[in-house]
Amino acid sequence: MSTHDTLAELLSEHGRSYADEAGITLRDNPSPLYQLLVLAVLCSTRIKADIATDAARELFRTRLRTARTMAATDWQTIVDALGRAHYRRYDESTATALLEGAELILRRWRGDLRRLRDEADGSPERMRELLQEVPRIGPVGSGIFCREAQGLWPELRPFFDDRALEAASELGLPSTAKGLARLVPPDELPRLASALVRSGLKH
């Protein structure tokens, strides 16, 4: 199969970003950026990605879409929303992490992750370090955020984590971030990265 055909099949079968699945319409605004961070927190535990995205949608349906509304919500409301999405093993600790994270984001960046971006001053490495100051966000969670946000923030491009690169190699696609970036337009990079991760999870 040619590279073109492999890419077309990959995107057709798996080419939905996790942000889109969680109901996040990504824009360079505080609310959707915060929602993406919430998704990254939820995906940072040992839990299936579809349960994490369901939990994100449930939180957003509960109107917890900004750091301010999250910080003003009582802990039990968050636990209940996570439970409705069957995010049960980690519901209590995750509710605590979300509350503490919202308070940090309000205190440090006034609820706007674009200020985190400004603090990183164009450095993807510094951005990941700052993201990891948020409770529950480690290398995996910061990678999820950057993978999805690269469509908005050019300094993150191209971003493919090890899991995506491994899947690309197995499919016979370029196994470097720069090589993969040549296959699609910049705004399609989050879809390609997510498709590779989803493909890797199937094997």
Protein backbone atom coordinates (compact mmCIF):
# COMPACT_ATOMS: atom_id res chain seq x y z
CA MET A 1 0.00 0.00 0.00
CA SER A 2 1.33 3.45 -0.89
CA THR A 3 1.97 6.12 1.73
CA HIS A 4 -0.97 8.10 0.32
CA ASP A 5 -3.33 5.13 0.63
CA THR A 6 -2.09 4.24 4.13
CA LEU A 7 -2.57 7.84 5.26
CA ALA A 8 -6.05 8.05 3.73
CA GLU A 9 -7.12 4.80 5.40
CA LEU A 10 -5.64 5.86 8.74
CA LEU A 11 -7.44 9.20 8.77
CA SER A 12 -10.68 7.66 7.55
CA GLU A 13 -10.70 5.03 10.28
CA HIS A 14 -9.13 6.88 13.21
CA GLY A 15 -8.88 10.53 12.26
CA ARG A 16 -10.91 12.17 14.99
CA SER A 17 -9.06 14.19 17.57
CA TYR A 18 -9.70 13.48 21.23
CA ALA A 19 -10.72 17.10 21.73
CA ASP A 20 -13.40 16.74 19.07
CA GLU A 21 -14.62 13.49 20.64
CA ALA A 22 -14.90 15.29 24.00
CA GLY A 23 -17.05 17.99 22.38
CA ILE A 24 -14.39 20.69 22.51
CA THR A 25 -14.39 23.18 19.66
CA LEU A 26 -10.78 24.28 19.92
CA ARG A 27 -10.13 27.98 19.59
CA ASP A 28 -7.43 30.20 21.02
CA ASN A 29 -9.70 31.35 23.84
CA PRO A 30 -9.66 30.68 27.60
CA SER A 31 -12.67 28.36 27.81
CA PRO A 32 -11.77 25.78 25.10
CA LEU A 33 -8.11 25.80 26.16
CA TYR A 34 -9.14 25.08 29.73
CA GLN A 35 -11.46 22.32 28.53
CA LEU A 36 -8.52 20.76 26.70
CA LEU A 37 -6.52 20.85 29.92
CA VAL A 38 -9.38 19.12 31.75
CA LEU A 39 -9.34 16.41 29.08
CA ALA A 40 -5.58 16.01 29.54
CA VAL A 41 -6.09 15.60 33.30
CA LEU A 42 -8.78 12.96 32.74
CA CYS A 43 -6.59 11.06 30.26
CA SER A 44 -3.65 11.03 32.67
CA THR A 45 -4.92 8.11 34.74
CA ARG A 46 -4.92 4.42 33.86
CA ILE A 47 -8.36 4.58 32.31
CA LYS A 48 -9.68 4.02 28.79
CA ALA A 49 -9.63 7.04 26.52
CA ASP A 50 -13.33 6.72 25.64
CA ILE A 51 -14.27 6.86 29.34
CA ALA A 52 -12.04 9.93 29.78
CA THR A 53 -13.69 11.72 26.84
CA ASP A 54 -17.15 10.75 28.14
CA ALA A 55 -16.19 12.19 31.53
CA ALA A 56 -15.02 15.42 29.90
CA ARG A 57 -18.34 15.78 28.05
CA GLU A 58 -20.24 15.18 31.30
CA LEU A 59 -18.24 17.85 33.13
CA PHE A 60 -18.88 20.32 30.32
CA ARG A 61 -22.61 19.46 30.33
CA THR A 62 -22.49 20.32 34.04
CA ARG A 63 -21.25 23.77 32.88
CA LEU A 64 -17.73 23.22 34.21
CA ARG A 65 -16.08 24.79 31.19
CA THR A 66 -13.78 27.40 32.72
CA ALA A 67 -11.27 27.45 35.55
CA ARG A 68 -13.51 29.93 37.38
CA THR A 69 -16.63 27.76 37.27
CA MET A 70 -14.61 24.67 38.19
CA ALA A 71 -13.02 26.38 41.20
CA ALA A 72 -16.43 27.63 42.38
CA THR A 73 -17.99 24.14 42.23
CA ASP A 74 -18.20 21.84 45.20
CA TRP A 75 -16.16 18.65 45.17
CA GLN A 76 -19.17 16.31 45.26
CA THR A 77 -20.67 17.82 42.10
CA ILE A 78 -17.48 16.95 40.23
CA VAL A 79 -17.37 13.43 41.70
CA ASP A 80 -21.00 12.88 40.68
CA ALA A 81 -20.37 14.07 37.12
CA LEU A 82 -17.39 11.75 36.79
CA GLY A 83 -19.44 8.87 38.19
CA ARG A 84 -22.20 9.41 35.62
CA ALA A 85 -19.54 8.87 32.94
CA HIS A 86 -18.32 5.68 34.69
CA TYR A 87 -15.02 7.37 35.57
CA ARG A 88 -15.16 5.69 38.95
CA ARG A 89 -11.79 4.31 40.02
CA TYR A 90 -10.22 7.75 40.13
CA ASP A 91 -13.27 9.96 40.59
CA GLU A 92 -12.44 11.33 44.04
CA SER A 93 -8.73 11.98 43.47
CA THR A 94 -9.47 13.48 40.04
CA ALA A 95 -12.11 15.80 41.48
CA THR A 96 -9.52 17.04 43.97
CA ALA A 97 -6.93 17.48 41.20
CA LEU A 98 -9.40 19.43 39.05
CA LEU A 99 -10.28 21.79 41.90
CA GLU A 100 -6.65 22.37 42.84
CA GLY A 101 -5.71 22.82 39.18
CA ALA A 102 -8.46 25.37 38.59
CA GLU A 103 -7.31 27.37 41.61
CA LEU A 104 -3.70 27.28 40.36
CA ILE A 105 -4.70 28.42 36.87
CA LEU A 106 -6.75 31.30 38.30
CA ARG A 107 -3.95 32.35 40.65
CA ARG A 108 -1.04 31.90 38.24
CA TRP A 109 -2.54 32.76 34.83
CA ARG A 110 -5.83 34.44 35.74
CA GLY A 111 -7.81 31.59 34.21
CA ASP A 112 -6.28 32.04 30.77
CA LEU A 113 -3.81 29.45 29.46
CA ARG A 114 -2.71 31.88 26.78
CA ARG A 115 -0.78 33.51 29.63
CA LEU A 116 0.97 30.20 30.21
CA ARG A 117 1.90 30.25 26.54
CA ASP A 118 3.24 33.79 26.92
CA GLU A 119 5.27 32.73 29.95
CA ALA A 120 6.81 29.91 27.91
CA ASP A 121 7.96 32.54 25.39
CA GLY A 122 7.84 30.27 22.36
CA SER A 123 9.55 27.28 23.97
CA PRO A 124 7.61 24.00 23.67
CA GLU A 125 9.81 22.46 26.36
CA ARG A 126 9.03 25.29 28.79
CA MET A 127 5.34 25.03 27.94
CA ARG A 128 5.34 21.36 28.87
CA GLU A 129 7.16 22.15 32.12
CA LEU A 130 4.54 24.75 33.03
CA LEU A 131 1.68 22.41 32.17
CA GLN A 132 3.19 19.84 34.51
CA GLU A 133 2.79 22.24 37.41
CA VAL A 134 -0.95 21.55 37.18
CA PRO A 135 -2.00 18.69 39.52
CA ARG A 136 -2.21 15.28 37.82
CA ILE A 137 -0.54 16.57 34.62
CA GLY A 138 2.72 14.75 33.96
CA PRO A 139 4.62 14.02 30.75
CA VAL A 140 1.67 12.08 29.31
CA GLY A 141 -0.90 14.76 30.10
CA SER A 142 1.26 17.62 28.85
CA GLY A 143 1.87 15.62 25.68
CA ILE A 144 -1.88 15.18 25.15
CA PHE A 145 -2.42 18.92 25.55
CA CYS A 146 0.39 19.81 23.13
CA ARG A 147 -0.69 17.18 20.60
CA GLU A 148 -4.15 18.71 20.40
CA ALA A 149 -3.11 22.36 20.76
CA GLN A 150 -0.53 22.28 17.96
CA GLY A 151 -3.29 23.17 15.50
CA LEU A 152 -3.62 26.50 17.34
CA TRP A 153 -0.09 27.24 18.52
CA PRO A 154 2.50 26.98 15.72
CA GLU A 155 5.48 26.77 18.08
CA LEU A 156 4.29 23.30 19.14
CA ARG A 157 4.40 21.90 15.60
CA PRO A 158 5.07 19.20 14.76
CA PHE A 159 4.19 17.30 17.93
CA PHE A 160 4.01 13.50 17.90
CA ASP A 161 4.63 11.53 21.07
CA ASP A 162 6.49 8.22 21.20
CA ARG A 163 3.29 6.19 20.90
CA ALA A 164 2.31 8.00 17.70
CA LEU A 165 5.79 7.64 16.21
CA GLU A 166 5.85 3.93 17.00
CA ALA A 167 2.47 3.46 15.30
CA ALA A 168 3.68 5.42 12.28
CA SER A 169 6.70 3.15 11.94
CA GLU A 170 4.53 0.03 12.15
CA LEU A 171 2.32 1.40 9.37
CA GLY A 172 5.28 2.18 7.12
CA LEU A 173 4.85 5.94 7.49
CA PRO A 174 7.70 8.34 8.35
CA SER A 175 8.83 7.69 11.91
CA THR A 176 9.94 11.25 12.70
CA ALA A 177 7.79 14.24 13.59
CA LYS A 178 9.17 16.30 10.71
CA GLY A 179 8.57 13.48 8.26
CA LEU A 180 4.96 13.06 9.37
CA ALA A 181 4.38 16.82 9.25
CA ARG A 182 5.09 16.78 5.52
CA LEU A 183 2.10 14.48 4.94
CA VAL A 184 -0.69 16.87 5.99
CA PRO A 185 -1.40 20.61 6.29
CA PRO A 186 -0.53 22.16 9.68
CA ASP A 187 -4.14 22.32 10.85
CA GLU A 188 -4.48 18.56 10.26
CA LEU A 189 -1.57 17.63 12.53
CA PRO A 190 -3.77 17.04 15.61
CA ARG A 191 -5.97 14.64 13.60
CA LEU A 192 -2.96 12.74 12.29
CA ALA A 193 -1.35 12.51 15.73
CA SER A 194 -4.59 11.30 17.31
CA ALA A 195 -5.18 8.82 14.49
CA LEU A 196 -1.75 7.31 15.04
CA VAL A 197 -2.31 7.02 18.79
CA ARG A 198 -5.71 5.40 18.23
CA SER A 199 -4.21 3.04 15.67
CA GLY A 200 -1.46 2.06 18.11
CA LEU A 201 -4.03 1.35 20.84
CA LYS A 202 -5.79 -1.11 18.53
CA HIS A 203 -2.73 -3.35 18.38
